[in-house]
Amino acid sequence: MNIQLFGIKKCFDTKKAERYFKERRIPFQFIDLDIKGLSKGELQSVKNAVGLNNLFNTGCKAYMRLNLDKISSSAIREELLLNNPVLYRTPIVRNGKQATVGYVPEVWDSWT
């Protein structure tokens, strides 16, 4: 199992996800989205697992400011995600080709 945890240090659900994996002694790699976003390949892998629209934090100020609710083009939405990591709903947890968005321990339990 090769777990990658993409999140923001200040995010409550990201902290809960970190605690979940630490308590079970499951090794994971933490990637801080404030410092480094998802690569194009990582985004494609996660998008294939959960769907593009599930990756967006529709409540964040940047989502409203960029009028993303009015943009329907997948290519433009993907490009905006790559360039604005603050738009991601966190945490994003990736295990190979499998991925989740948000705090979903019931799915993570099935990975072990």
PDB file of N, CA and C in Angstrom:
ATOM      1  N   MET A   1       0.848  -1.174   0.000  1.00  0.00           N
ATOM      2  CA  MET A   1       0.000   0.000   0.000  1.00  0.00           C
ATOM      3  C   MET A   1       0.893   1.237   0.000  1.00  0.00           C
ATOM      4  N   ASN A   2       0.625   2.156  -0.931  1.00  0.00           N
ATOM      5  CA  ASN A   2       1.408   3.384  -1.060  1.00  0.00           C
ATOM      6  C   ASN A   2       0.443   4.566  -0.974  1.00  0.00           C
ATOM      7  N   ILE A   3       0.206   5.044   0.235  1.00  0.00           N
ATOM      8  CA  ILE A   3      -0.784   6.098   0.474  1.00  0.00           C
ATOM      9  C   ILE A   3      -0.158   7.477   0.296  1.00  0.00           C
ATOM     10  N   GLN A   4      -0.832   8.308  -0.484  1.00  0.00           N
ATOM     11  CA  GLN A   4      -0.469   9.719  -0.599  1.00  0.00           C
ATOM     12  C   GLN A   4      -1.638  10.519  -0.043  1.00  0.00           C
ATOM     13  N   LEU A   5      -1.332  11.458   0.836  1.00  0.00           N
ATOM     14  CA  LEU A   5      -2.343  12.297   1.459  1.00  0.00           C
ATOM     15  C   LEU A   5      -2.077  13.735   1.042  1.00  0.00           C
ATOM     16  N   PHE A   6      -2.951  14.265   0.199  1.00  0.00           N
ATOM     17  CA  PHE A   6      -2.843  15.650  -0.250  1.00  0.00           C
ATOM     18  C   PHE A   6      -3.785  16.477   0.605  1.00  0.00           C
ATOM     19  N   GLY A   7      -3.271  17.530   1.220  1.00  0.00           N
ATOM     20  CA  GLY A   7      -4.128  18.340   2.068  1.00  0.00           C
ATOM     21  C   GLY A   7      -3.475  19.646   2.447  1.00  0.00           C
ATOM     22  N   ILE A   8      -4.147  20.340   3.329  1.00  0.00           N
ATOM     23  CA  ILE A   8      -3.679  21.624   3.838  1.00  0.00           C
ATOM     24  C   ILE A   8      -3.569  21.485   5.351  1.00  0.00           C
ATOM     25  N   LYS A   9      -2.447  21.886   5.902  1.00  0.00           N
ATOM     26  CA  LYS A   9      -2.173  21.702   7.335  1.00  0.00           C
ATOM     27  C   LYS A   9      -3.285  22.255   8.235  1.00  0.00           C
ATOM     28  N   LYS A  10      -3.926  23.358   7.830  1.00  0.00           N
ATOM     29  CA  LYS A  10      -4.944  23.980   8.664  1.00  0.00           C
ATOM     30  C   LYS A  10      -6.314  23.311   8.547  1.00  0.00           C
ATOM     31  N   CYS A  11      -6.476  22.399   7.598  1.00  0.00           N
ATOM     32  CA  CYS A  11      -7.770  21.759   7.345  1.00  0.00           C
ATOM     33  C   CYS A  11      -8.070  20.704   8.412  1.00  0.00           C
ATOM     34  N   PHE A  12      -9.221  20.796   9.029  1.00  0.00           N
ATOM     35  CA  PHE A  12      -9.615  19.874  10.100  1.00  0.00           C
ATOM     36  C   PHE A  12      -9.704  18.436   9.579  1.00  0.00           C
ATOM     37  N   ASP A  13     -10.314  18.224   8.405  1.00  0.00           N
ATOM     38  CA  ASP A  13     -10.443  16.871   7.866  1.00  0.00           C
ATOM     39  C   ASP A  13      -9.090  16.285   7.469  1.00  0.00           C
ATOM     40  N   THR A  14      -8.168  17.124   7.033  1.00  0.00           N
ATOM     41  CA  THR A  14      -6.816  16.649   6.714  1.00  0.00           C
ATOM     42  C   THR A  14      -6.128  16.163   7.985  1.00  0.00           C
ATOM     43  N   LYS A  15      -6.289  16.912   9.071  1.00  0.00           N
ATOM     44  CA  LYS A  15      -5.702  16.505  10.352  1.00  0.00           C
ATOM     45  C   LYS A  15      -6.298  15.185  10.829  1.00  0.00           C
ATOM     46  N   LYS A  16      -7.616  15.017  10.643  1.00  0.00           N
ATOM     47  CA  LYS A  16      -8.266  13.770  11.042  1.00  0.00           C
ATOM     48  C   LYS A  16      -7.742  12.603  10.202  1.00  0.00           C
ATOM     49  N   ALA A  17      -7.529  12.826   8.912  1.00  0.00           N
ATOM     50  CA  ALA A  17      -7.013  11.772   8.028  1.00  0.00           C
ATOM     51  C   ALA A  17      -5.597  11.386   8.444  1.00  0.00           C
ATOM     52  N   GLU A  18      -4.763  12.385   8.739  1.00  0.00           N
ATOM     53  CA  GLU A  18      -3.398  12.098   9.202  1.00  0.00           C
ATOM     54  C   GLU A  18      -3.438  11.245  10.474  1.00  0.00           C
ATOM     55  N   ARG A  19      -4.297  11.628  11.395  1.00  0.00           N
ATOM     56  CA  ARG A  19      -4.417  10.895  12.660  1.00  0.00           C
ATOM     57  C   ARG A  19      -4.901   9.455  12.398  1.00  0.00           C
ATOM     58  N   TYR A  20      -5.844   9.296  11.465  1.00  0.00           N
ATOM     59  CA  TYR A  20      -6.354   7.965  11.120  1.00  0.00           C
ATOM     60  C   TYR A  20      -5.210   7.036  10.701  1.00  0.00           C
ATOM     61  N   PHE A  21      -4.364   7.495   9.781  1.00  0.00           N
ATOM     62  CA  PHE A  21      -3.281   6.648   9.276  1.00  0.00           C
ATOM     63  C   PHE A  21      -2.182   6.439  10.332  1.00  0.00           C
ATOM     64  N   LYS A  22      -1.885   7.470  11.122  1.00  0.00           N
ATOM     65  CA  LYS A  22      -0.865   7.334  12.165  1.00  0.00           C
ATOM     66  C   LYS A  22      -1.296   6.339  13.239  1.00  0.00           C
ATOM     67  N   GLU A  23      -2.557   6.419  13.667  1.00  0.00           N
ATOM     68  CA  GLU A  23      -3.054   5.518  14.710  1.00  0.00           C
ATOM     69  C   GLU A  23      -3.008   4.061  14.279  1.00  0.00           C
ATOM     70  N   ARG A  24      -3.148   3.810  12.993  1.00  0.00           N
ATOM     71  CA  ARG A  24      -3.130   2.442  12.473  1.00  0.00           C
ATOM     72  C   ARG A  24      -1.755   2.033  11.955  1.00  0.00           C
ATOM     73  N   ARG A  25      -0.795   2.917  12.166  1.00  0.00           N
ATOM     74  CA  ARG A  25       0.589   2.693  11.725  1.00  0.00           C
ATOM     75  C   ARG A  25       0.668   2.357  10.239  1.00  0.00           C
ATOM     76  N   ILE A  26      -0.152   3.056   9.457  1.00  0.00           N
ATOM     77  CA  ILE A  26      -0.131   2.898   8.002  1.00  0.00           C
ATOM     78  C   ILE A  26       0.751   4.017   7.454  1.00  0.00           C
ATOM     79  N   PRO A  27       1.863   3.658   6.808  1.00  0.00           N
ATOM     80  CA  PRO A  27       2.744   4.706   6.286  1.00  0.00           C
ATOM     81  C   PRO A  27       2.066   5.487   5.162  1.00  0.00           C
ATOM     82  N   PHE A  28       2.294   6.800   5.156  1.00  0.00           N
ATOM     83  CA  PHE A  28       1.721   7.648   4.113  1.00  0.00           C
ATOM     84  C   PHE A  28       2.676   8.799   3.827  1.00  0.00           C
ATOM     85  N   GLN A  29       2.518   9.358   2.659  1.00  0.00           N
ATOM     86  CA  GLN A  29       3.300  10.533   2.266  1.00  0.00           C
ATOM     87  C   GLN A  29       2.346  11.716   2.266  1.00  0.00           C
ATOM     88  N   PHE A  30       2.691  12.767   3.025  1.00  0.00           N
ATOM     89  CA  PHE A  30       1.852  13.964   3.074  1.00  0.00           C
ATOM     90  C   PHE A  30       2.371  14.992   2.082  1.00  0.00           C
ATOM     91  N   ILE A  31       1.482  15.499   1.251  1.00  0.00           N
ATOM     92  CA  ILE A  31       1.824  16.561   0.301  1.00  0.00           C
ATOM     93  C   ILE A  31       0.955  17.764   0.660  1.00  0.00           C
ATOM     94  N   ASP A  32       1.614  18.853   1.053  1.00  0.00           N
ATOM     95  CA  ASP A  32       0.920  20.072   1.446  1.00  0.00           C
ATOM     96  C   ASP A  32       0.527  20.847   0.190  1.00  0.00           C
ATOM     97  N   LEU A  33      -0.779  21.001  -0.041  1.00  0.00           N
ATOM     98  CA  LEU A  33      -1.262  21.689  -1.233  1.00  0.00           C
ATOM     99  C   LEU A  33      -0.954  23.181  -1.214  1.00  0.00           C
ATOM    100  N   ASP A  34      -0.640  23.728  -0.044  1.00  0.00           N
ATOM    101  CA  ASP A  34      -0.220  25.137   0.017  1.00  0.00           C
ATOM    102  C   ASP A  34       1.163  25.312  -0.607  1.00  0.00           C
ATOM    103  N   ILE A  35       1.971  24.243  -0.587  1.00  0.00           N
ATOM    104  CA  ILE A  35       3.338  24.309  -1.098  1.00  0.00           C
ATOM    105  C   ILE A  35       3.430  23.722  -2.504  1.00  0.00           C
ATOM    106  N   LYS A  36       2.801  22.562  -2.695  1.00  0.00           N
ATOM    107  CA  LYS A  36       2.906  21.865  -3.979  1.00  0.00           C
ATOM    108  C   LYS A  36       1.554  21.259  -4.315  1.00  0.00           C
ATOM    109  N   GLY A  37       1.037  21.551  -5.487  1.00  0.00           N
ATOM    110  CA  GLY A  37      -0.241  20.991  -5.912  1.00  0.00           C
ATOM    111  C   GLY A  37      -0.072  19.622  -6.540  1.00  0.00           C
ATOM    112  N   LEU A  38      -1.157  19.085  -7.045  1.00  0.00           N
ATOM    113  CA  LEU A  38      -1.111  17.819  -7.758  1.00  0.00           C
ATOM    114  C   LEU A  38      -0.481  18.035  -9.127  1.00  0.00           C
ATOM    115  N   SER A  39       0.283  17.045  -9.592  1.00  0.00           N
ATOM    116  CA  SER A  39       0.816  17.111 -10.950  1.00  0.00           C
ATOM    117  C   SER A  39      -0.321  16.769 -11.910  1.00  0.00           C
ATOM    118  N   LYS A  40      -0.087  16.973 -13.197  1.00  0.00           N
ATOM    119  CA  LYS A  40      -1.109  16.669 -14.193  1.00  0.00           C
ATOM    120  C   LYS A  40      -1.486  15.186 -14.146  1.00  0.00           C
ATOM    121  N   GLY A  41      -0.486  14.318 -14.027  1.00  0.00           N
ATOM    122  CA  GLY A  41      -0.744  12.883 -13.948  1.00  0.00           C
ATOM    123  C   GLY A  41      -1.512  12.488 -12.704  1.00  0.00           C
ATOM    124  N   GLU A  42      -1.149  13.078 -11.556  1.00  0.00           N
ATOM    125  CA  GLU A  42      -1.851  12.796 -10.311  1.00  0.00           C
ATOM    126  C   GLU A  42      -3.300  13.256 -10.401  1.00  0.00           C
ATOM    127  N   LEU A  43      -3.505  14.433 -10.993  1.00  0.00           N
ATOM    128  CA  LEU A  43      -4.859  14.952 -11.155  1.00  0.00           C
ATOM    129  C   LEU A  43      -5.692  14.006 -12.020  1.00  0.00           C
ATOM    130  N   GLN A  44      -5.117  13.512 -13.119  1.00  0.00           N
ATOM    131  CA  GLN A  44      -5.839  12.584 -13.988  1.00  0.00           C
ATOM    132  C   GLN A  44      -6.223  11.314 -13.233  1.00  0.00           C
ATOM    133  N   SER A  45      -5.301  10.777 -12.472  1.00  0.00           N
ATOM    134  CA  SER A  45      -5.553   9.549 -11.708  1.00  0.00           C
ATOM    135  C   SER A  45      -6.675   9.753 -10.695  1.00  0.00           C
ATOM    136  N   VAL A  46      -6.614  10.849  -9.955  1.00  0.00           N
ATOM    137  CA  VAL A  46      -7.639  11.132  -8.950  1.00  0.00           C
ATOM    138  C   VAL A  46      -8.972  11.431  -9.631  1.00  0.00           C
ATOM    139  N   LYS A  47      -8.936  12.185 -10.713  1.00  0.00           N
ATOM    140  CA  LYS A  47     -10.155  12.527 -11.450  1.00  0.00           C
ATOM    141  C   LYS A  47     -10.845  11.257 -11.953  1.00  0.00           C
ATOM    142  N   ASN A  48     -10.067  10.298 -12.464  1.00  0.00           N
ATOM    143  CA  ASN A  48     -10.643   9.040 -12.941  1.00  0.00           C
ATOM    144  C   ASN A  48     -11.300   8.257 -11.818  1.00  0.00           C
ATOM    145  N   ALA A  49     -10.772   8.381 -10.608  1.00  0.00           N
ATOM    146  CA  ALA A  49     -11.304   7.630  -9.467  1.00  0.00           C
ATOM    147  C   ALA A  49     -12.540   8.285  -8.850  1.00  0.00           C
ATOM    148  N   VAL A  50     -12.558   9.619  -8.769  1.00  0.00           N
ATOM    149  CA  VAL A  50     -13.646  10.282  -8.031  1.00  0.00           C
ATOM    150  C   VAL A  50     -14.496  11.227  -8.872  1.00  0.00           C
ATOM    151  N   GLY A  51     -14.039  11.588 -10.063  1.00  0.00           N
ATOM    152  CA  GLY A  51     -14.772  12.547 -10.886  1.00  0.00           C
ATOM    153  C   GLY A  51     -14.279  13.964 -10.653  1.00  0.00           C
ATOM    154  N   LEU A  52     -14.231  14.734 -11.698  1.00  0.00           N
ATOM    155  CA  LEU A  52     -13.674  16.095 -11.631  1.00  0.00           C
ATOM    156  C   LEU A  52     -14.449  17.005 -10.690  1.00  0.00           C
ATOM    157  N   ASN A  53     -15.773  16.981 -10.758  1.00  0.00           N
ATOM    158  CA  ASN A  53     -16.574  17.902  -9.944  1.00  0.00           C
ATOM    159  C   ASN A  53     -16.434  17.649  -8.449  1.00  0.00           C
ATOM    160  N   ASN A  54     -16.124  16.423  -8.058  1.00  0.00           N
ATOM    161  CA  ASN A  54     -15.956  16.108  -6.632  1.00  0.00           C
ATOM    162  C   ASN A  54     -14.672  16.686  -6.058  1.00  0.00           C
ATOM    163  N   LEU A  55     -13.758  17.122  -6.904  1.00  0.00           N
ATOM    164  CA  LEU A  55     -12.488  17.674  -6.425  1.00  0.00           C
ATOM    165  C   LEU A  55     -12.603  19.132  -5.984  1.00  0.00           C
ATOM    166  N   PHE A  56     -13.660  19.808  -6.384  1.00  0.00           N
ATOM    167  CA  PHE A  56     -13.782  21.239  -6.105  1.00  0.00           C
ATOM    168  C   PHE A  56     -14.398  21.519  -4.744  1.00  0.00           C
ATOM    169  N   ASN A  57     -13.793  22.464  -4.031  1.00  0.00           N
ATOM    170  CA  ASN A  57     -14.353  22.998  -2.797  1.00  0.00           C
ATOM    171  C   ASN A  57     -15.263  24.151  -3.209  1.00  0.00           C
ATOM    172  N   THR A  58     -16.540  23.859  -3.388  1.00  0.00           N
ATOM    173  CA  THR A  58     -17.474  24.857  -3.920  1.00  0.00           C
ATOM    174  C   THR A  58     -17.752  25.991  -2.931  1.00  0.00           C
ATOM    175  N   GLY A  59     -17.335  25.842  -1.694  1.00  0.00           N
ATOM    176  CA  GLY A  59     -17.576  26.877  -0.702  1.00  0.00           C
ATOM    177  C   GLY A  59     -16.435  27.862  -0.526  1.00  0.00           C
ATOM    178  N   CYS A  60     -15.316  27.640  -1.208  1.00  0.00           N
ATOM    179  CA  CYS A  60     -14.175  28.540  -0.998  1.00  0.00           C
ATOM    180  C   CYS A  60     -14.351  29.842  -1.793  1.00  0.00           C
ATOM    181  N   LYS A  61     -13.720  30.894  -1.297  1.00  0.00           N
ATOM    182  CA  LYS A  61     -13.832  32.211  -1.917  1.00  0.00           C
ATOM    183  C   LYS A  61     -13.310  32.220  -3.350  1.00  0.00           C
ATOM    184  N   ALA A  62     -12.235  31.478  -3.609  1.00  0.00           N
ATOM    185  CA  ALA A  62     -11.653  31.443  -4.951  1.00  0.00           C
ATOM    186  C   ALA A  62     -12.627  30.823  -5.954  1.00  0.00           C
ATOM    187  N   TYR A  63     -13.399  29.837  -5.532  1.00  0.00           N
ATOM    188  CA  TYR A  63     -14.393  29.206  -6.411  1.00  0.00           C
ATOM    189  C   TYR A  63     -15.425  30.240  -6.846  1.00  0.00           C
ATOM    190  N   MET A  64     -15.874  31.042  -5.897  1.00  0.00           N
ATOM    191  CA  MET A  64     -16.856  32.095  -6.191  1.00  0.00           C
ATOM    192  C   MET A  64     -16.245  33.201  -7.052  1.00  0.00           C
ATOM    193  N   ARG A  65     -15.025  33.609  -6.687  1.00  0.00           N
ATOM    194  CA  ARG A  65     -14.353  34.697  -7.397  1.00  0.00           C
ATOM    195  C   ARG A  65     -14.104  34.344  -8.864  1.00  0.00           C
ATOM    196  N   LEU A  66     -13.780  33.071  -9.137  1.00  0.00           N
ATOM    197  CA  LEU A  66     -13.498  32.632 -10.500  1.00  0.00           C
ATOM    198  C   LEU A  66     -14.761  32.221 -11.262  1.00  0.00           C
ATOM    199  N   ASN A  67     -15.933  32.330 -10.617  1.00  0.00           N
ATOM    200  CA  ASN A  67     -17.216  31.964 -11.231  1.00  0.00           C
ATOM    201  C   ASN A  67     -17.198  30.554 -11.809  1.00  0.00           C
ATOM    202  N   LEU A  68     -16.629  29.626 -11.073  1.00  0.00           N
ATOM    203  CA  LEU A  68     -16.513  28.251 -11.564  1.00  0.00           C
ATOM    204  C   LEU A  68     -17.857  27.558 -11.740  1.00  0.00           C
ATOM    205  N   ASP A  69     -18.869  28.029 -11.049  1.00  0.00           N
ATOM    206  CA  ASP A  69     -20.188  27.431 -11.228  1.00  0.00           C
ATOM    207  C   ASP A  69     -20.746  27.703 -12.625  1.00  0.00           C
ATOM    208  N   LYS A  70     -20.168  28.691 -13.326  1.00  0.00           N
ATOM    209  CA  LYS A  70     -20.631  29.044 -14.670  1.00  0.00           C
ATOM    210  C   LYS A  70     -19.738  28.461 -15.776  1.00  0.00           C
ATOM    211  N   ILE A  71     -18.638  27.821 -15.399  1.00  0.00           N
ATOM    212  CA  ILE A  71     -17.715  27.245 -16.383  1.00  0.00           C
ATOM    213  C   ILE A  71     -18.008  25.750 -16.520  1.00  0.00           C
ATOM    214  N   SER A  72     -18.351  25.333 -17.724  1.00  0.00           N
ATOM    215  CA  SER A  72     -18.695  23.922 -17.927  1.00  0.00           C
ATOM    216  C   SER A  72     -17.582  23.128 -18.617  1.00  0.00           C
ATOM    217  N   SER A  73     -16.613  23.794 -19.196  1.00  0.00           N
ATOM    218  CA  SER A  73     -15.534  23.118 -19.908  1.00  0.00           C
ATOM    219  C   SER A  73     -14.611  22.377 -18.930  1.00  0.00           C
ATOM    220  N   SER A  74     -14.495  21.050 -19.120  1.00  0.00           N
ATOM    221  CA  SER A  74     -13.641  20.238 -18.245  1.00  0.00           C
ATOM    222  C   SER A  74     -12.183  20.665 -18.336  1.00  0.00           C
ATOM    223  N   ALA A  75     -11.725  20.979 -19.546  1.00  0.00           N
ATOM    224  CA  ALA A  75     -10.324  21.361 -19.740  1.00  0.00           C
ATOM    225  C   ALA A  75      -9.995  22.638 -18.963  1.00  0.00           C
ATOM    226  N   ILE A  76     -10.879  23.609 -19.002  1.00  0.00           N
ATOM    227  CA  ILE A  76     -10.656  24.875 -18.283  1.00  0.00           C
ATOM    228  C   ILE A  76     -10.698  24.627 -16.781  1.00  0.00           C
ATOM    229  N   ARG A  77     -11.647  23.815 -16.321  1.00  0.00           N
ATOM    230  CA  ARG A  77     -11.767  23.520 -14.891  1.00  0.00           C
ATOM    231  C   ARG A  77     -10.525  22.784 -14.380  1.00  0.00           C
ATOM    232  N   GLU A  78     -10.002  21.840 -15.180  1.00  0.00           N
ATOM    233  CA  GLU A  78      -8.779  21.123 -14.797  1.00  0.00           C
ATOM    234  C   GLU A  78      -7.600  22.075 -14.707  1.00  0.00           C
ATOM    235  N   GLU A  79      -7.474  22.956 -15.683  1.00  0.00           N
ATOM    236  CA  GLU A  79      -6.375  23.920 -15.706  1.00  0.00           C
ATOM    237  C   GLU A  79      -6.444  24.836 -14.477  1.00  0.00           C
ATOM    238  N   LEU A  80      -7.642  25.257 -14.114  1.00  0.00           N
ATOM    239  CA  LEU A  80      -7.810  26.106 -12.931  1.00  0.00           C
ATOM    240  C   LEU A  80      -7.426  25.352 -11.652  1.00  0.00           C
ATOM    241  N   LEU A  81      -7.766  24.066 -11.583  1.00  0.00           N
ATOM    242  CA  LEU A  81      -7.360  23.266 -10.419  1.00  0.00           C
ATOM    243  C   LEU A  81      -5.842  23.156 -10.319  1.00  0.00           C
ATOM    244  N   LEU A  82      -5.194  22.900 -11.457  1.00  0.00           N
ATOM    245  CA  LEU A  82      -3.736  22.764 -11.461  1.00  0.00           C
ATOM    246  C   LEU A  82      -3.045  24.051 -11.018  1.00  0.00           C
ATOM    247  N   ASN A  83      -3.620  25.190 -11.373  1.00  0.00           N
ATOM    248  CA  ASN A  83      -2.993  26.480 -11.073  1.00  0.00           C
ATOM    249  C   ASN A  83      -3.452  27.101  -9.754  1.00  0.00           C
ATOM    250  N   ASN A  84      -4.509  26.562  -9.144  1.00  0.00           N
ATOM    251  CA  ASN A  84      -5.061  27.115  -7.900  1.00  0.00           C
ATOM    252  C   ASN A  84      -5.363  25.994  -6.911  1.00  0.00           C
ATOM    253  N   PRO A  85      -4.346  25.474  -6.233  1.00  0.00           N
ATOM    254  CA  PRO A  85      -4.565  24.355  -5.305  1.00  0.00           C
ATOM    255  C   PRO A  85      -5.582  24.650  -4.199  1.00  0.00           C
ATOM    256  N   VAL A  86      -5.862  25.929  -3.943  1.00  0.00           N
ATOM    257  CA  VAL A  86      -6.837  26.280  -2.909  1.00  0.00           C
ATOM    258  C   VAL A  86      -8.245  25.814  -3.307  1.00  0.00           C
ATOM    259  N   LEU A  87      -8.463  25.498  -4.573  1.00  0.00           N
ATOM    260  CA  LEU A  87      -9.775  25.056  -5.049  1.00  0.00           C
ATOM    261  C   LEU A  87     -10.096  23.605  -4.690  1.00  0.00           C
ATOM    262  N   TYR A  88      -9.080  22.826  -4.296  1.00  0.00           N
ATOM    263  CA  TYR A  88      -9.305  21.419  -3.989  1.00  0.00           C
ATOM    264  C   TYR A  88     -10.098  21.237  -2.710  1.00  0.00           C
ATOM    265  N   ARG A  89     -10.988  20.267  -2.716  1.00  0.00           N
ATOM    266  CA  ARG A  89     -11.633  19.806  -1.489  1.00  0.00           C
ATOM    267  C   ARG A  89     -10.661  18.824  -0.848  1.00  0.00           C
ATOM    268  N   THR A  90     -10.391  18.970   0.418  1.00  0.00           N
ATOM    269  CA  THR A  90      -9.368  18.149   1.051  1.00  0.00           C
ATOM    270  C   THR A  90      -9.950  17.326   2.192  1.00  0.00           C
ATOM    271  N   PRO A  91      -9.280  16.262   2.584  1.00  0.00           N
ATOM    272  CA  PRO A  91      -8.054  15.729   2.008  1.00  0.00           C
ATOM    273  C   PRO A  91      -8.335  14.877   0.772  1.00  0.00           C
ATOM    274  N   ILE A  92      -7.343  14.784  -0.080  1.00  0.00           N
ATOM    275  CA  ILE A  92      -7.377  13.860  -1.201  1.00  0.00           C
ATOM    276  C   ILE A  92      -6.422  12.737  -0.815  1.00  0.00           C
ATOM    277  N   VAL A  93      -6.944  11.515  -0.738  1.00  0.00           N
ATOM    278  CA  VAL A  93      -6.126  10.368  -0.345  1.00  0.00           C
ATOM    279  C   VAL A  93      -6.063   9.427  -1.534  1.00  0.00           C
ATOM    280  N   ARG A  94      -4.836   9.081  -1.912  1.00  0.00           N
ATOM    281  CA  ARG A  94      -4.620   8.274  -3.099  1.00  0.00           C
ATOM    282  C   ARG A  94      -3.864   7.005  -2.742  1.00  0.00           C
ATOM    283  N   ASN A  95      -4.338   5.885  -3.273  1.00  0.00           N
ATOM    284  CA  ASN A  95      -3.690   4.594  -3.088  1.00  0.00           C
ATOM    285  C   ASN A  95      -3.637   3.933  -4.464  1.00  0.00           C
ATOM    286  N   GLY A  96      -2.558   4.167  -5.191  1.00  0.00           N
ATOM    287  CA  GLY A  96      -2.459   3.656  -6.559  1.00  0.00           C
ATOM    288  C   GLY A  96      -3.495   4.321  -7.438  1.00  0.00           C
ATOM    289  N   LYS A  97      -4.360   3.533  -8.049  1.00  0.00           N
ATOM    290  CA  LYS A  97      -5.407   4.073  -8.917  1.00  0.00           C
ATOM    291  C   LYS A  97      -6.676   4.409  -8.148  1.00  0.00           C
ATOM    292  N   GLN A  98      -6.723   4.043  -6.869  1.00  0.00           N
ATOM    293  CA  GLN A  98      -7.877   4.360  -6.038  1.00  0.00           C
ATOM    294  C   GLN A  98      -7.664   5.711  -5.368  1.00  0.00           C
ATOM    295  N   ALA A  99      -8.748   6.437  -5.141  1.00  0.00           N
ATOM    296  CA  ALA A  99      -8.636   7.735  -4.473  1.00  0.00           C
ATOM    297  C   ALA A  99      -9.952   8.097  -3.807  1.00  0.00           C
ATOM    298  N   THR A 100      -9.842   8.958  -2.803  1.00  0.00           N
ATOM    299  CA  THR A 100     -11.020   9.503  -2.134  1.00  0.00           C
ATOM    300  C   THR A 100     -10.815  10.993  -1.937  1.00  0.00           C
ATOM    301  N   VAL A 101     -11.919  11.691  -1.753  1.00  0.00           N
ATOM    302  CA  VAL A 101     -11.878  13.114  -1.435  1.00  0.00           C
ATOM    303  C   VAL A 101     -12.711  13.308  -0.179  1.00  0.00           C
ATOM    304  N   GLY A 102     -12.136  14.000   0.790  1.00  0.00           N
ATOM    305  CA  GLY A 102     -12.810  14.182   2.061  1.00  0.00           C
ATOM    306  C   GLY A 102     -12.392  13.101   3.050  1.00  0.00           C
ATOM    307  N   TYR A 103     -12.994  13.117   4.217  1.00  0.00           N
ATOM    308  CA  TYR A 103     -12.672  12.156   5.274  1.00  0.00           C
ATOM    309  C   TYR A 103     -13.599  10.955   5.123  1.00  0.00           C
ATOM    310  N   VAL A 104     -13.065   9.832   4.600  1.00  0.00           N
ATOM    311  CA  VAL A 104     -13.875   8.636   4.370  1.00  0.00           C
ATOM    312  C   VAL A 104     -13.140   7.370   4.857  1.00  0.00           C
ATOM    313  N   PRO A 105     -13.044   7.187   6.165  1.00  0.00           N
ATOM    314  CA  PRO A 105     -12.296   6.044   6.708  1.00  0.00           C
ATOM    315  C   PRO A 105     -12.892   4.699   6.306  1.00  0.00           C
ATOM    316  N   GLU A 106     -14.190   4.640   6.031  1.00  0.00           N
ATOM    317  CA  GLU A 106     -14.784   3.359   5.643  1.00  0.00           C
ATOM    318  C   GLU A 106     -14.201   2.848   4.324  1.00  0.00           C
ATOM    319  N   VAL A 107     -13.816   3.740   3.421  1.00  0.00           N
ATOM    320  CA  VAL A 107     -13.170   3.335   2.177  1.00  0.00           C
ATOM    321  C   VAL A 107     -11.719   2.954   2.466  1.00  0.00           C
ATOM    322  N   TRP A 108     -11.038   3.728   3.290  1.00  0.00           N
ATOM    323  CA  TRP A 108      -9.630   3.449   3.615  1.00  0.00           C
ATOM    324  C   TRP A 108      -9.492   2.093   4.306  1.00  0.00           C
ATOM    325  N   ASP A 109     -10.501   1.718   5.126  1.00  0.00           N
ATOM    326  CA  ASP A 109     -10.461   0.409   5.786  1.00  0.00           C
ATOM    327  C   ASP A 109     -10.437  -0.716   4.765  1.00  0.00           C
ATOM    328  N   SER A 110     -11.121  -0.540   3.656  1.00  0.00           N
ATOM    329  CA  SER A 110     -11.175  -1.591   2.630  1.00  0.00           C
ATOM    330  C   SER A 110      -9.850  -1.720   1.878  1.00  0.00           C
ATOM    331  N   TRP A 111      -8.971  -0.723   1.985  1.00  0.00           N
ATOM    332  CA  TRP A 111      -7.680  -0.758   1.297  1.00  0.00           C
ATOM    333  C   TRP A 111      -6.668  -1.638   2.034  1.00  0.00           C
ATOM    334  N   THR A 112      -6.893  -1.882   3.322  1.00  0.00           N
ATOM    335  CA  THR A 112      -5.894  -2.624   4.102  1.00  0.00           C
ATOM    336  C   THR A 112      -6.141  -4.117   4.072  1.00  0.00           C
TER     337      THR A 112
END
